[in-house]
Amino acid sequence: MYDFGHMSFEELVRTEGFECECGKKHSVPIEYLKICRGATAYLPEALRAVKSKKPFIVCDKNTYEAAGKTAEETLEEAGIEYTTYVIPSNDGERIKPGEWELGSIGMHFDLGCDFILAVGGGVINDLCKVFGHDTGRKTGVLGTSPSMDGFASNSSSMEVNHVKVSLYNACPAVILCDTEVMAKAPMRNLWAGLGDMAAKYISICEWRISTLITGEYYCEGVAGMMRAALERIMAAAPQIPSRDPDAIQTVAEGLVLAGIAMSYAQISRPASGLEHYFSHVWEMLALERGLPYDLHGIQVGIGTVLSMKVMNRVRTIRPDPEKAAAAMRAFDPSEWEKNVRRVFGKTAHEIIAIEEKTHKNDPARQAAHAKKICENWDKILKIIDEEIPDEQWLFDIFEKVGMPMWPKDIGVSRQDTRDAFICSRDIRDKYLISSLLWEIGEMDEFADWVETLADGE
C-alpha cells in the first residue's frame, strides 16, 4: 500500500499515477501546482504549462480586489491576453454556486479564451469547474482564502433546483495558492478552512464503517493521506488567529490534499460525512426560505462538533436486534414523506426521487444492515476509537481560534438542527452514522438529544 500521507505534492501529481492495491488507479490531472508566498507571480508560467494563450478570468467583487487585479497586472507584464468577468452580487450577498451564476458566466464568456481561471474560493472554483467541463476548457484556480477543500477535487458542490448536489467534472489543471493573499482573508474564511479539514475525522471514520456494513469501496492509502494532513493542520491551528502565512500554508496544503484524495478515490468519501450533511441541509432550508446562510466551512465545523458528540454517544449504546426490527415494522413511508415535505417544502420532490432511486428505506436492506451492525458492533466501536480524537482536545482548538461551535452561534434553531440530523440520510445515497442509527432503531432518541445541542453544552 502506498504511503501517500508522506509523499510530496510533486510525487502525488505525477502523470502516470499509482496502481493501488485497492483496485483503483489513483491519479489527478493537475499540471501545475504552487502553494507559497507570492504564488500569483507564477501565473504566466502556469499558463504556459497548460499551453493557454488567453485565459478567461472569473472573480466576484471581493476576489477581484484580493487577487484578480494583481493577476491582470501580472499577465499584462508578461504580454498575455485575457478577458475578465466579475460576477455581480445581489445587494452585497455572497455569490452562490447556482444556475443563475453559471448562466451569467456563460453569457459573458469570451469564445476566444482557451482556459478558465477562477480567482477566489470554493464557490467560484466550483462554478468554473462546471463551466470548464461544459465548454471543454481546462480550468485553474488562484485561491484567495483557505476556506474549503475543493481546490483539487474532481467534483463541484452546486445548487440544482435548490438541492445541494455534487457534480463530478474535472480537477483544475492549475492550482495557485498565494499564502500572502490567503492570510489577509476574512477571519471567518480562515475558520471555515479549519472547519472543513477537522471534518475529515468524521468522514474517514464513516467511510470505514460503511465499508464494513455495506461493502463500499475503501482505500487505506487515501485515508492515510487525510490523517497525515489532519495531523499537520491541527498542529498549525493555534497560529491561525495571528494570520501566520506559514500556518495558512499548512491549512492550504491540507485543503489541496483533501481534493487530491477525493480525486484519487473518485468519490467525496475521504473528505465528507455527516458533518457536511448538517451544512447541506441548513443551506437547503435557507434556500427554501429565501434566507442567507453561513460559509460552508463554518457550518461544517459546527457539524463536526455535533458529529463528534454523536460518535461519542454511539460508544455508550449496544444495538438490539429486536429494537431494530420493531423500528422497521413501525416505519410508515407516508409519514416519512410527510416529514420530508414539511422540512424541504417545494424541493421535497427531489428528496423523494432520491429515495425512489436508492431505496434506503427498503425493509430488506434495513434488515440486512441491522444484522451486520449487530454482528460487527465491537469492530465499529474499534473504528470509532481509532479515528475519532478526544473531543475536548478538538473543541479547545476551536475555542482558542475563536470559531463558532454550536448551531445557535450562526442562528440555526433547535428544530433545524434536529431536522438536519434526521434528514441527513435522505438527501444523498451516502451511508452515514445517522444511517446506522436509523437502521438499529436509535434515530428518534439520538435526534431528541442532538436537538438539545443546538444551544451548546
Protein backbone atom coordinates (compact mmCIF):
# COMPACT_ATOMS: atom_id res chain seq x y z
CA MET A 1 0.00 0.00 0.00
CA TYR A 2 1.37 3.41 -0.97
CA ASP A 3 2.16 5.85 1.85
CA PHE A 4 0.51 8.89 0.25
CA GLY A 5 0.50 10.78 3.53
CA HIS A 6 4.26 11.28 3.42
CA MET A 7 4.68 11.98 -0.29
CA SER A 8 5.46 15.40 -1.73
CA PHE A 9 3.00 17.19 -3.98
CA GLU A 10 5.32 16.52 -6.90
CA GLU A 11 5.03 12.80 -6.26
CA LEU A 12 1.27 12.86 -5.72
CA VAL A 13 0.51 14.62 -9.01
CA ARG A 14 2.81 12.53 -11.19
CA THR A 15 1.35 11.92 -14.63
CA GLU A 16 1.47 8.13 -14.53
CA GLY A 17 -0.48 7.92 -11.27
CA PHE A 18 -0.45 4.89 -8.96
CA GLU A 19 -1.77 1.39 -9.49
CA CYS A 20 -3.04 0.77 -5.96
CA GLU A 21 -3.77 -2.41 -4.03
CA CYS A 22 -7.32 -1.07 -3.50
CA GLY A 23 -8.02 -1.88 -7.15
CA LYS A 24 -8.12 1.65 -8.50
CA LYS A 25 -5.55 3.65 -10.38
CA HIS A 26 -5.04 6.86 -8.43
CA SER A 27 -4.22 9.95 -10.42
CA VAL A 28 -5.08 13.61 -10.52
CA PRO A 29 -4.76 15.77 -13.66
CA ILE A 30 -3.01 18.69 -12.00
CA GLU A 31 -0.39 20.05 -14.38
CA TYR A 32 0.88 22.96 -12.31
CA LEU A 33 0.70 23.42 -8.53
CA LYS A 34 2.24 26.12 -6.38
CA ILE A 35 1.43 26.85 -2.72
CA CYS A 36 3.66 29.58 -1.35
CA ARG A 37 4.03 33.27 -0.65
CA GLY A 38 3.77 35.26 -3.86
CA ALA A 39 2.32 32.38 -5.88
CA THR A 40 0.42 34.84 -8.10
CA ALA A 41 3.71 35.72 -9.79
CA TYR A 42 3.83 32.18 -11.20
CA LEU A 43 0.61 32.65 -13.19
CA PRO A 44 2.32 33.20 -16.59
CA GLU A 45 4.47 30.11 -16.05
CA ALA A 46 1.40 28.09 -15.08
CA LEU A 47 -0.46 29.17 -18.23
CA ARG A 48 2.49 28.19 -20.39
CA ALA A 49 2.48 24.77 -18.70
CA VAL A 50 -1.09 24.16 -19.90
CA LYS A 51 -0.47 25.88 -23.27
CA SER A 52 -3.01 28.62 -22.63
CA LYS A 53 -2.70 31.75 -24.72
CA LYS A 54 -5.75 33.66 -23.45
CA PRO A 55 -7.41 32.88 -20.10
CA PHE A 56 -10.95 33.84 -19.09
CA ILE A 57 -10.67 35.16 -15.53
CA VAL A 58 -13.73 34.79 -13.29
CA CYS A 59 -13.99 36.69 -9.98
CA ASP A 60 -16.50 38.34 -7.74
CA LYS A 61 -16.17 41.87 -6.43
CA ASN A 62 -14.17 40.86 -3.36
CA THR A 63 -11.85 38.34 -5.01
CA TYR A 64 -11.12 40.80 -7.81
CA GLU A 65 -9.77 43.24 -5.24
CA ALA A 66 -7.96 40.49 -3.31
CA ALA A 67 -6.11 38.91 -6.25
CA GLY A 68 -7.88 39.45 -9.58
CA LYS A 69 -6.39 42.88 -10.15
CA THR A 70 -2.89 41.61 -9.36
CA ALA A 71 -3.44 38.66 -11.69
CA GLU A 72 -4.35 41.07 -14.50
CA GLU A 73 -1.24 43.15 -13.85
CA THR A 74 0.92 40.03 -13.83
CA LEU A 75 -0.49 38.90 -17.18
CA GLU A 76 -0.07 42.35 -18.73
CA GLU A 77 3.57 42.45 -17.69
CA ALA A 78 4.03 39.03 -19.32
CA GLY A 79 2.24 40.15 -22.51
CA ILE A 80 -0.56 37.59 -22.11
CA GLU A 81 -4.06 38.46 -23.33
CA TYR A 82 -7.02 37.82 -21.05
CA THR A 83 -10.68 38.61 -20.51
CA THR A 84 -12.06 39.19 -17.02
CA TYR A 85 -15.62 38.71 -15.84
CA VAL A 86 -16.71 39.84 -12.36
CA ILE A 87 -19.88 38.03 -11.29
CA PRO A 88 -22.29 40.63 -9.87
CA SER A 89 -23.74 40.08 -6.43
CA ASN A 90 -27.25 40.90 -5.30
CA ASP A 91 -27.17 43.69 -2.72
CA GLY A 92 -23.78 42.61 -1.46
CA GLU A 93 -24.74 38.95 -0.91
CA ARG A 94 -22.18 36.21 -1.42
CA ILE A 95 -22.06 34.56 -4.82
CA LYS A 96 -23.91 31.24 -4.84
CA PRO A 97 -22.97 28.05 -6.71
CA GLY A 98 -26.25 28.13 -8.60
CA GLU A 99 -27.74 28.06 -12.04
CA TRP A 100 -28.04 31.84 -12.36
CA GLU A 101 -24.35 32.39 -11.65
CA LEU A 102 -23.33 29.61 -14.04
CA GLY A 103 -25.53 31.07 -16.76
CA SER A 104 -24.10 34.53 -16.09
CA ILE A 105 -20.58 33.23 -16.72
CA GLY A 106 -21.76 31.62 -19.96
CA MET A 107 -23.49 34.78 -21.18
CA HIS A 108 -20.29 36.79 -20.74
CA PHE A 109 -17.81 34.18 -21.89
CA ASP A 110 -15.24 35.25 -24.47
CA LEU A 111 -15.13 32.47 -27.05
CA GLY A 112 -11.56 33.43 -27.87
CA CYS A 113 -10.41 32.24 -24.45
CA ASP A 114 -8.90 28.78 -24.14
CA PHE A 115 -8.68 28.44 -20.36
CA ILE A 116 -10.93 29.24 -17.38
CA LEU A 117 -9.20 30.79 -14.33
CA ALA A 118 -11.20 31.01 -11.12
CA VAL A 119 -9.98 33.69 -8.74
CA GLY A 120 -11.50 33.08 -5.34
CA GLY A 121 -12.57 30.25 -3.09
CA GLY A 122 -14.95 27.34 -3.22
CA VAL A 123 -17.97 28.82 -4.97
CA ILE A 124 -16.13 30.44 -7.87
CA ASN A 125 -13.87 27.41 -8.24
CA ASP A 126 -16.91 25.09 -8.37
CA LEU A 127 -18.69 27.29 -10.91
CA CYS A 128 -15.62 27.41 -13.12
CA LYS A 129 -15.06 23.64 -12.92
CA VAL A 130 -18.62 23.04 -14.11
CA PHE A 131 -18.36 25.71 -16.81
CA GLY A 132 -14.97 24.45 -17.99
CA HIS A 133 -16.28 20.90 -18.17
CA ASP A 134 -19.33 22.00 -20.15
CA THR A 135 -17.27 24.04 -22.63
CA GLY A 136 -14.35 21.63 -22.98
CA ARG A 137 -11.80 24.02 -21.46
CA LYS A 138 -9.24 23.25 -18.80
CA THR A 139 -9.60 25.23 -15.59
CA GLY A 140 -7.34 26.64 -12.94
CA VAL A 141 -7.80 28.36 -9.61
CA LEU A 142 -5.97 31.22 -7.95
CA GLY A 143 -7.10 30.74 -4.36
CA THR A 144 -7.81 33.83 -2.29
CA SER A 145 -8.72 32.14 1.00
CA PRO A 146 -8.10 28.71 2.56
CA SER A 147 -11.80 28.24 3.22
CA MET A 148 -12.69 24.90 1.59
CA ASP A 149 -11.28 21.60 0.36
CA GLY A 150 -12.39 21.68 -3.27
CA PHE A 151 -9.30 23.25 -4.85
CA ALA A 152 -8.07 19.92 -6.24
CA SER A 153 -11.25 17.85 -6.25
CA ASN A 154 -12.90 16.50 -9.37
CA SER A 155 -16.35 17.50 -8.12
CA SER A 156 -18.32 20.68 -7.57
CA SER A 157 -20.82 21.32 -4.78
CA MET A 158 -23.68 23.04 -6.57
CA GLU A 159 -27.27 24.12 -6.02
CA VAL A 160 -29.51 22.44 -8.60
CA ASN A 161 -33.23 23.08 -8.23
CA HIS A 162 -32.43 24.32 -4.70
CA VAL A 163 -30.88 20.97 -3.75
CA LYS A 164 -27.20 20.67 -2.83
CA VAL A 165 -25.60 18.14 -5.19
CA SER A 166 -22.10 17.01 -6.11
CA LEU A 167 -21.43 17.24 -9.84
CA TYR A 168 -18.42 15.26 -11.00
CA ASN A 169 -16.47 17.07 -13.72
CA ALA A 170 -12.71 17.58 -13.67
CA CYS A 171 -9.97 18.68 -11.32
CA PRO A 172 -8.33 22.05 -12.11
CA ALA A 173 -5.19 21.72 -14.21
CA VAL A 174 -3.61 24.69 -12.41
CA ILE A 175 -3.70 25.46 -8.68
CA LEU A 176 -2.03 28.56 -7.27
CA CYS A 177 -2.40 29.31 -3.57
CA ASP A 178 -0.76 32.60 -2.65
CA THR A 179 -0.44 32.36 1.13
CA GLU A 180 0.23 36.10 1.49
CA VAL A 181 -3.17 36.77 -0.11
CA MET A 182 -4.85 33.97 1.83
CA ALA A 183 -3.52 35.26 5.14
CA LYS A 184 -5.43 38.52 4.54
CA ALA A 185 -8.76 36.75 4.01
CA PRO A 186 -11.58 37.47 6.47
CA MET A 187 -11.15 35.51 9.69
CA ARG A 188 -14.41 33.66 9.06
CA ASN A 189 -12.84 32.28 5.86
CA LEU A 190 -9.83 31.06 7.84
CA TRP A 191 -12.15 29.45 10.38
CA ALA A 192 -14.04 27.84 7.51
CA GLY A 193 -10.89 26.16 6.20
CA LEU A 194 -10.12 24.74 9.62
CA GLY A 195 -13.71 23.54 9.99
CA ASP A 196 -13.66 21.83 6.60
CA MET A 197 -10.45 20.00 7.49
CA ALA A 198 -11.50 18.93 11.00
CA ALA A 199 -14.45 17.23 9.29
CA LYS A 200 -12.10 14.56 7.96
CA TYR A 201 -12.05 12.81 11.35
CA ILE A 202 -15.72 12.02 10.84
CA SER A 203 -15.54 11.27 7.10
CA ILE A 204 -12.73 8.71 7.40
CA CYS A 205 -14.47 7.02 10.35
CA GLU A 206 -17.77 6.76 8.49
CA TRP A 207 -16.03 5.56 5.34
CA ARG A 208 -14.56 2.64 7.25
CA ILE A 209 -17.88 1.86 8.95
CA SER A 210 -19.71 1.97 5.62
CA THR A 211 -17.18 -0.44 4.12
CA LEU A 212 -17.82 -2.84 6.99
CA ILE A 213 -21.63 -2.64 6.74
CA THR A 214 -22.34 -2.01 3.04
CA GLY A 215 -19.18 -3.30 1.36
CA GLU A 216 -18.43 0.15 -0.05
CA TYR A 217 -15.04 0.67 -1.73
CA TYR A 218 -12.27 1.87 0.61
CA CYS A 219 -8.60 2.73 0.23
CA GLU A 220 -6.37 2.84 3.28
CA GLY A 221 -3.71 4.76 1.36
CA VAL A 222 -6.12 7.61 0.60
CA ALA A 223 -7.42 7.58 4.18
CA GLY A 224 -3.82 7.77 5.40
CA MET A 225 -3.28 10.86 3.27
CA MET A 226 -6.12 12.59 5.12
CA ARG A 227 -4.86 11.53 8.54
CA ALA A 228 -1.39 12.93 7.81
CA ALA A 229 -2.86 16.22 6.60
CA LEU A 230 -5.04 16.46 9.71
CA GLU A 231 -2.04 15.98 11.99
CA ARG A 232 -0.15 18.83 10.36
CA ILE A 233 -3.12 21.19 10.26
CA MET A 234 -4.14 20.70 13.88
CA ALA A 235 -0.56 21.39 14.94
CA ALA A 236 -0.63 24.68 12.99
CA ALA A 237 -4.15 25.72 14.02
CA PRO A 238 -3.17 27.85 17.06
CA GLN A 239 -1.25 30.21 14.73
CA ILE A 240 -4.27 30.90 12.51
CA PRO A 241 -5.60 33.91 14.51
CA SER A 242 -2.23 35.67 14.07
CA ARG A 243 -2.53 35.15 10.29
CA ASP A 244 0.86 33.50 10.18
CA PRO A 245 1.47 32.75 6.46
CA ASP A 246 3.27 29.52 7.37
CA ALA A 247 0.22 28.29 9.31
CA ILE A 248 -2.04 29.39 6.48
CA GLN A 249 0.17 27.47 4.06
CA THR A 250 -0.21 24.33 6.16
CA VAL A 251 -4.01 24.69 6.07
CA ALA A 252 -3.96 25.40 2.32
CA GLU A 253 -1.79 22.34 1.68
CA GLY A 254 -4.20 20.20 3.70
CA LEU A 255 -7.18 21.52 1.75
CA VAL A 256 -5.45 20.73 -1.54
CA LEU A 257 -4.56 17.26 -0.27
CA ALA A 258 -8.23 16.68 0.57
CA GLY A 259 -9.13 17.48 -3.03
CA ILE A 260 -6.43 15.14 -4.31
CA ALA A 261 -7.80 12.43 -2.01
CA MET A 262 -11.28 12.85 -3.49
CA SER A 263 -9.85 12.73 -7.00
CA TYR A 264 -7.85 9.62 -6.12
CA ALA A 265 -10.90 7.86 -4.66
CA GLN A 266 -13.22 9.26 -7.37
CA ILE A 267 -15.78 9.94 -4.62
CA SER A 268 -16.18 12.55 -1.87
CA ARG A 269 -15.90 9.94 0.91
CA PRO A 270 -12.38 10.86 2.10
CA ALA A 271 -13.49 14.40 2.90
CA SER A 272 -17.24 14.44 3.57
CA GLY A 273 -19.51 12.77 6.10
CA LEU A 274 -22.37 13.57 8.47
CA GLU A 275 -20.82 16.92 9.38
CA HIS A 276 -21.18 18.06 5.75
CA TYR A 277 -24.79 16.92 5.67
CA PHE A 278 -25.70 19.19 8.57
CA SER A 279 -24.36 22.01 6.38
CA HIS A 280 -26.08 20.77 3.22
CA VAL A 281 -29.49 20.59 4.88
CA TRP A 282 -29.09 24.01 6.53
CA GLU A 283 -28.22 25.51 3.16
CA MET A 284 -31.23 23.85 1.54
CA LEU A 285 -33.51 25.17 4.29
CA ALA A 286 -32.11 28.67 3.80
CA LEU A 287 -32.66 28.44 0.05
CA GLU A 288 -36.22 27.25 0.60
CA ARG A 289 -36.88 30.25 2.86
CA GLY A 290 -35.00 32.79 0.76
CA LEU A 291 -32.59 33.47 3.61
CA PRO A 292 -28.78 33.79 3.67
CA TYR A 293 -26.62 31.05 5.15
CA ASP A 294 -23.12 30.98 6.59
CA LEU A 295 -19.90 29.85 4.94
CA HIS A 296 -19.82 26.15 4.11
CA GLY A 297 -16.74 25.51 6.28
CA ILE A 298 -18.21 27.38 9.25
CA GLN A 299 -21.32 25.21 9.08
CA VAL A 300 -19.21 22.08 8.54
CA GLY A 301 -17.11 22.97 11.61
CA ILE A 302 -20.27 23.14 13.71
CA GLY A 303 -21.46 19.93 12.08
CA THR A 304 -18.14 18.37 13.12
CA VAL A 305 -18.74 19.34 16.74
CA LEU A 306 -22.22 17.76 16.62
CA SER A 307 -20.93 14.66 14.82
CA MET A 308 -18.14 14.22 17.38
CA LYS A 309 -20.80 14.28 20.09
CA VAL A 310 -22.86 11.71 18.20
CA MET A 311 -19.86 9.40 17.72
CA ASN A 312 -19.03 9.52 21.42
CA ARG A 313 -22.65 8.78 22.36
CA VAL A 314 -22.64 5.79 19.99
CA ARG A 315 -19.91 4.34 22.21
CA THR A 316 -22.44 4.15 25.07
CA ILE A 317 -25.09 2.01 23.33
CA ARG A 318 -25.41 -1.56 22.18
CA PRO A 319 -27.64 -2.43 19.20
CA ASP A 320 -30.66 -4.60 19.95
CA PRO A 321 -31.90 -6.74 17.01
CA GLU A 322 -35.45 -6.69 18.39
CA LYS A 323 -35.45 -2.92 18.68
CA ALA A 324 -34.16 -2.61 15.11
CA ALA A 325 -36.87 -4.95 13.80
CA ALA A 326 -39.59 -3.14 15.77
CA ALA A 327 -38.47 0.22 14.39
CA MET A 328 -38.71 -1.08 10.84
CA ARG A 329 -42.17 -2.53 11.46
CA ALA A 330 -43.26 0.85 12.83
CA PHE A 331 -41.79 2.75 9.88
CA ASP A 332 -44.52 4.43 7.85
CA PRO A 333 -43.46 5.55 4.35
CA SER A 334 -46.30 8.06 4.19
CA GLU A 335 -45.17 9.65 7.46
CA TRP A 336 -41.59 9.74 6.17
CA GLU A 337 -42.77 11.52 3.02
CA LYS A 338 -44.89 13.91 5.07
CA ASN A 339 -41.85 14.87 7.12
CA VAL A 340 -39.71 15.36 4.01
CA ARG A 341 -42.35 17.69 2.59
CA ARG A 342 -42.52 19.60 5.86
CA VAL A 343 -38.76 20.08 6.02
CA PHE A 344 -37.90 20.71 2.37
CA GLY A 345 -41.05 22.32 1.01
CA LYS A 346 -41.01 22.80 -2.73
CA THR A 347 -37.77 20.84 -3.13
CA ALA A 348 -39.16 17.76 -1.35
CA HIS A 349 -39.84 16.03 -4.65
CA GLU A 350 -36.09 15.95 -5.28
CA ILE A 351 -35.51 14.12 -1.99
CA ILE A 352 -38.36 11.71 -2.65
CA ALA A 353 -36.90 10.98 -6.09
CA ILE A 354 -33.58 10.07 -4.46
CA GLU A 355 -35.36 7.51 -2.27
CA GLU A 356 -37.22 6.08 -5.26
CA LYS A 357 -33.83 5.52 -6.93
CA THR A 358 -31.77 4.32 -3.95
CA HIS A 359 -34.34 2.53 -1.73
CA LYS A 360 -32.62 3.48 1.53
CA ASN A 361 -35.91 2.85 3.34
CA ASP A 362 -36.30 -0.69 1.96
CA PRO A 363 -37.10 -3.14 4.83
CA ALA A 364 -34.90 -5.89 3.36
CA ARG A 365 -31.94 -3.54 3.09
CA GLN A 366 -32.51 -2.29 6.65
CA ALA A 367 -32.73 -5.83 7.99
CA ALA A 368 -29.54 -6.92 6.26
CA HIS A 369 -27.63 -3.87 7.50
CA ALA A 370 -29.01 -4.17 11.05
CA LYS A 371 -27.83 -7.79 11.19
CA LYS A 372 -24.32 -6.79 10.09
CA ILE A 373 -24.26 -3.90 12.56
CA CYS A 374 -25.16 -6.17 15.47
CA GLU A 375 -22.63 -8.81 14.41
CA ASN A 376 -19.83 -6.26 13.94
CA TRP A 377 -20.54 -3.85 16.79
CA ASP A 378 -17.20 -4.35 18.51
CA LYS A 379 -15.42 -3.67 15.21
CA ILE A 380 -17.47 -0.49 14.73
CA LEU A 381 -16.51 0.73 18.20
CA LYS A 382 -12.86 -0.07 17.45
CA ILE A 383 -13.04 2.05 14.27
CA ILE A 384 -14.51 4.94 16.25
CA ASP A 385 -11.77 4.59 18.87
CA GLU A 386 -9.09 4.60 16.17
CA GLU A 387 -10.41 7.52 14.11
CA ILE A 388 -12.17 9.93 16.48
CA PRO A 389 -9.86 12.04 18.67
CA ASP A 390 -10.64 13.28 22.15
CA GLU A 391 -13.50 15.72 21.61
CA GLN A 392 -12.36 18.17 24.30
CA TRP A 393 -8.95 18.43 22.62
CA LEU A 394 -10.61 19.41 19.34
CA PHE A 395 -13.11 21.75 21.00
CA ASP A 396 -10.26 23.52 22.82
CA ILE A 397 -8.58 24.20 19.47
CA PHE A 398 -11.81 25.61 18.02
CA GLU A 399 -12.33 27.81 21.08
CA LYS A 400 -8.75 29.13 21.02
CA VAL A 401 -9.06 30.28 17.41
CA GLY A 402 -12.48 31.80 18.14
CA MET A 403 -14.60 29.61 15.87
CA PRO A 404 -18.39 29.34 16.14
CA MET A 405 -19.10 25.91 17.61
CA TRP A 406 -22.84 25.47 18.06
CA PRO A 407 -25.86 25.95 15.79
CA LYS A 408 -27.07 28.90 17.88
CA ASP A 409 -23.80 30.70 17.05
CA ILE A 410 -24.90 31.00 13.41
CA GLY A 411 -28.62 31.44 14.01
CA VAL A 412 -29.65 27.81 13.41
CA SER A 413 -32.62 26.76 15.54
CA ARG A 414 -33.11 23.62 17.60
CA GLN A 415 -35.74 22.40 15.11
CA ASP A 416 -33.43 22.92 12.13
CA THR A 417 -30.65 21.10 14.00
CA ARG A 418 -32.95 18.16 14.64
CA ASP A 419 -34.27 18.15 11.08
CA ALA A 420 -30.76 18.27 9.62
CA PHE A 421 -29.73 15.24 11.66
CA ILE A 422 -32.80 13.19 10.76
CA CYS A 423 -32.78 14.17 7.08
CA SER A 424 -29.03 13.83 6.62
CA ARG A 425 -29.55 10.24 5.46
CA ASP A 426 -32.20 11.29 2.94
CA ILE A 427 -30.55 13.91 0.75
CA ARG A 428 -27.97 11.63 -0.90
CA ASP A 429 -27.05 7.97 -1.13
CA LYS A 430 -24.17 8.02 1.32
CA TYR A 431 -24.01 5.77 4.39
CA LEU A 432 -23.58 7.96 7.48
CA ILE A 433 -23.61 7.33 11.21
CA SER A 434 -27.19 8.66 11.11
CA SER A 435 -27.99 5.90 8.59
CA LEU A 436 -26.64 3.33 11.03
CA LEU A 437 -28.66 4.77 13.92
CA TRP A 438 -31.85 4.69 11.83
CA GLU A 439 -31.25 1.07 10.91
CA ILE A 440 -30.92 -0.05 14.53
CA GLY A 441 -33.93 1.95 15.74
CA GLU A 442 -31.98 4.64 17.62
CA MET A 443 -32.77 7.63 15.40
CA ASP A 444 -35.54 9.20 17.50
CA GLU A 445 -33.62 9.07 20.78
CA PHE A 446 -30.48 10.49 19.18
CA ALA A 447 -32.48 13.19 17.38
CA ASP A 448 -34.04 14.31 20.67
CA TRP A 449 -30.59 14.61 22.16
CA VAL A 450 -28.96 16.31 19.12
CA GLU A 451 -31.70 18.94 19.24
CA THR A 452 -30.58 19.92 22.76
CA LEU A 453 -27.02 20.51 21.46
CA ALA A 454 -28.18 23.40 19.26
CA ASP A 455 -27.76 25.81 22.17
CA GLY A 456 -24.41 24.42 23.23
CA GLU A 457 -23.45 22.20 26.12
